[in-house]
Amino acid sequence: MREPYLWGLPMAMPRMLALLLCHAVTQDDDGRPVLQGLYDRVALRALPGVDTGVVYTKYELPPGDRSLMLAVVELESGREIGRAQHRVTITSGRPVNETTWSITVRFERIGQYMYRFLADDELLGFTIVEVVTYPTPTDS
């Protein structure tokens, strides 16, 4: 299979490299991301409930101005419950990029939710998150 080329240079094919939920993202001394508190399950004390966190995305896209979208969808109903959008300019010298999304999501019920990542309205990747409740200690 031949690699696609643009003006004699290899052209990046759209692809998702990482989509992770965490509590925080910082950088080390070399500028590399440090993801803290990775999770794939949201535990709420009560419903409705709110989860605040960060979604780290790493992706490869062809050069140009791109529209990115992160959407949260309840799987059972297919209803979108949250969305964030961001514009980026991808250069040929740096086709792999990272975006961190600070998000607050309000969940009305337990179940599975999909975090979808789209570039120019094309689905690049997703992750599934389980939302559960846990009992609070009772007074004795």
Protein backbone atom coordinates (compact mmCIF):
# COMPACT_ATOMS: atom_id res chain seq x y z
CA MET A 1 0.00 0.00 0.00
CA ARG A 2 1.39 3.38 -0.99
CA GLU A 3 1.50 6.29 1.39
CA PRO A 4 -0.52 9.32 0.24
CA TYR A 5 1.56 12.36 -0.69
CA LEU A 6 0.85 16.06 -0.75
CA TRP A 7 3.35 18.26 -2.64
CA GLY A 8 5.96 15.49 -2.50
CA LEU A 9 5.67 15.08 1.31
CA PRO A 10 3.96 12.19 3.10
CA MET A 11 0.41 13.26 4.01
CA ALA A 12 -0.98 12.47 7.43
CA MET A 13 -3.99 10.18 7.44
CA PRO A 14 -6.62 11.11 10.03
CA ARG A 15 -6.31 8.82 13.02
CA MET A 16 -6.89 8.80 16.75
CA LEU A 17 -3.83 8.02 18.85
CA ALA A 18 -5.29 8.54 22.36
CA LEU A 19 -8.55 9.57 24.03
CA LEU A 20 -8.29 9.37 27.82
CA LEU A 21 -10.27 10.75 30.76
CA CYS A 22 -8.28 11.99 33.74
CA HIS A 23 -8.45 14.36 36.68
CA ALA A 24 -5.65 16.66 35.47
CA VAL A 25 -2.98 17.08 32.79
CA THR A 26 0.31 18.82 33.50
CA GLN A 27 3.65 18.91 31.68
CA ASP A 28 7.02 17.56 32.72
CA ASP A 29 10.25 19.55 32.28
CA ASP A 30 10.54 18.35 28.66
CA GLY A 31 7.01 19.49 27.79
CA ARG A 32 5.55 15.98 27.69
CA PRO A 33 2.02 15.57 29.06
CA VAL A 34 1.59 13.98 32.48
CA LEU A 35 -1.91 12.53 32.91
CA GLN A 36 -3.07 12.24 36.51
CA GLY A 37 -5.91 10.04 37.74
CA LEU A 38 -6.96 8.15 34.61
CA TYR A 39 -10.48 6.73 34.79
CA ASP A 40 -13.17 4.98 32.76
CA ARG A 41 -15.89 4.94 35.44
CA VAL A 42 -17.69 7.87 37.04
CA ALA A 43 -18.98 7.18 40.56
CA LEU A 44 -21.61 9.65 41.76
CA ARG A 45 -23.10 9.98 45.25
CA ALA A 46 -26.51 10.90 43.87
CA LEU A 47 -28.35 11.52 40.64
CA PRO A 48 -28.35 13.85 38.92
CA GLY A 49 -24.64 14.28 39.44
CA VAL A 50 -21.71 16.18 37.96
CA ASP A 51 -18.26 14.99 36.93
CA THR A 52 -15.49 17.51 36.31
CA GLY A 53 -12.34 16.35 34.58
CA VAL A 54 -10.07 16.55 31.58
CA VAL A 55 -10.20 14.62 28.31
CA TYR A 56 -6.78 14.23 26.70
CA THR A 57 -6.79 13.65 22.95
CA LYS A 58 -3.85 12.90 20.67
CA TYR A 59 -4.46 12.64 16.95
CA GLU A 60 -2.92 12.87 13.50
CA LEU A 61 -4.58 15.02 10.81
CA PRO A 62 -3.65 16.35 7.38
CA PRO A 63 -2.43 19.97 7.25
CA GLY A 64 -5.03 22.73 7.30
CA ASP A 65 -7.58 24.45 9.51
CA ARG A 66 -9.59 21.82 11.36
CA SER A 67 -12.72 21.84 13.47
CA LEU A 68 -12.53 19.48 16.44
CA MET A 69 -15.49 18.33 18.51
CA LEU A 70 -15.81 16.31 21.69
CA ALA A 71 -19.35 15.06 22.32
CA VAL A 72 -20.78 13.06 25.23
CA VAL A 73 -23.64 10.73 24.30
CA GLU A 74 -25.85 8.58 26.52
CA LEU A 75 -25.70 5.16 24.85
CA GLU A 76 -29.13 3.88 25.91
CA SER A 77 -31.07 6.80 24.42
CA GLY A 78 -28.51 8.08 21.88
CA ARG A 79 -29.04 11.57 23.32
CA GLU A 80 -26.10 13.97 23.26
CA ILE A 81 -25.70 15.50 26.73
CA GLY A 82 -22.64 17.66 26.15
CA ARG A 83 -20.38 19.06 23.48
CA ALA A 84 -17.22 21.15 23.15
CA GLN A 85 -15.66 22.52 19.98
CA HIS A 86 -12.19 23.77 19.16
CA ARG A 87 -10.45 25.04 16.00
CA VAL A 88 -6.84 24.08 15.27
CA THR A 89 -4.39 24.67 12.47
CA ILE A 90 -2.38 21.58 11.57
CA THR A 91 0.97 22.13 9.84
CA SER A 92 2.82 19.65 7.64
CA GLY A 93 5.78 19.82 10.02
CA ARG A 94 3.63 18.67 12.94
CA PRO A 95 0.76 16.38 11.87
CA VAL A 96 0.45 14.80 15.37
CA ASN A 97 -1.21 17.10 17.89
CA GLU A 98 -2.68 17.00 21.38
CA THR A 99 -5.69 18.80 22.80
CA THR A 100 -6.88 18.79 26.40
CA TRP A 101 -10.53 19.48 27.08
CA SER A 102 -11.60 20.69 30.54
CA ILE A 103 -15.14 19.41 30.88
CA THR A 104 -18.02 19.35 33.32
CA VAL A 105 -20.70 16.79 32.51
CA ARG A 106 -24.07 16.51 34.26
CA PHE A 107 -25.38 12.94 34.33
CA GLU A 108 -29.11 12.38 34.86
CA ARG A 109 -28.92 8.58 35.18
CA ILE A 110 -26.55 5.66 35.55
CA GLY A 111 -25.45 3.73 32.48
CA GLN A 112 -22.91 3.87 29.70
CA TYR A 113 -21.85 7.07 27.96
CA MET A 114 -19.69 7.53 24.89
CA TYR A 115 -17.12 10.31 24.59
CA ARG A 116 -16.78 10.84 20.83
CA PHE A 117 -13.95 12.76 19.15
CA LEU A 118 -14.62 14.19 15.71
CA ALA A 119 -12.40 16.16 13.31
CA ASP A 120 -14.21 18.03 10.53
CA ASP A 121 -17.39 16.07 11.39
CA GLU A 122 -15.61 12.70 10.91
CA LEU A 123 -15.48 10.30 13.87
CA LEU A 124 -11.83 9.61 14.74
CA GLY A 125 -12.32 7.75 17.99
CA PHE A 126 -14.32 7.24 21.14
CA THR A 127 -14.25 5.77 24.62
CA ILE A 128 -17.05 4.34 26.74
CA VAL A 129 -17.52 5.45 30.35
CA GLU A 130 -19.68 3.67 32.92
CA VAL A 131 -21.61 5.96 35.28
CA VAL A 132 -22.52 4.36 38.61
CA THR A 133 -23.74 5.48 42.01
CA TYR A 134 -22.31 4.38 45.29
CA PRO A 135 -23.98 4.39 48.71
CA THR A 136 -23.12 7.07 51.21
CA PRO A 137 -22.31 5.98 54.78
CA THR A 138 -25.34 5.90 57.02
CA ASP A 139 -25.37 7.63 60.40
CA SER A 140 -25.31 5.23 63.34
